[in-house]
Amino acid sequence: TVVVTVNPTPALSSSLTPPAVCSNSAFNYAAVSSVTGTTITWARAVVAGISNPPGSGTGNINETLINTTAADIVVPYVYSLSVGSCTSTFTVNSSIKPTPIVIVPANMAYCNGDNVPTIVFTGSVSGTSYSWGNSNTAIGLAANGTGSIASFTCFNSTSALISATISVGPAANGCSGVNSGFSISVYPE
């Protein structure tokens, strides 16, 4: 009598395409094998546009990756699974979204009663939306808004220079960027 034992080949039963994450946010991936007792290791090579050095580990992934571009970057993680003498390899593709940025104008100065032209914000990530806040509504601009700042007439009813700081926050694809600001100063008449 000859007894032949056939071991199963381990496989990842967890998703090979987990949800995308924002740059500079934790990417967590729980690797689940179809076979109990599987030894799981992973490796990540250098990826163009990702500033992190290569990485490797065992079991689950918990990394914060930095996307330095203006587009989504797919980062492949190569998983090696082994049970006894049976081995297999799987690739898990993580998508890292870019951090939106906003380009704001230089500081501005006007006189009482001047017309401030429309202020349009731009950035490098396609589809970025902008929200802004104004620290001093006495200049004639609302306290906050979204998108561009529509043309308005600036005011200064005092006898001294007044200023407002405009803080602009970008957001794109569920990711928020760092606020940037500029000032609008209004001289008295």
Foldseek 3Di string as FASTA:
>chain_A
DDDDDDDDAKDWPDDLEDDAEEAQDWDKDATDIPDPPKWKKKWWDDDPQWPDHIDIDTGMDTDHIHGNAQAKDWTWIWMWIDDVHHIDIDIRIYIYHHEWDKDFDAAEEEEAFDKDAKGAIDTRHPPKKKKKAKADCQQVADGIDIGIGHITTTHDPDQAKDKIKMWMWIDDPRHTHDIDIYMYIYHYD
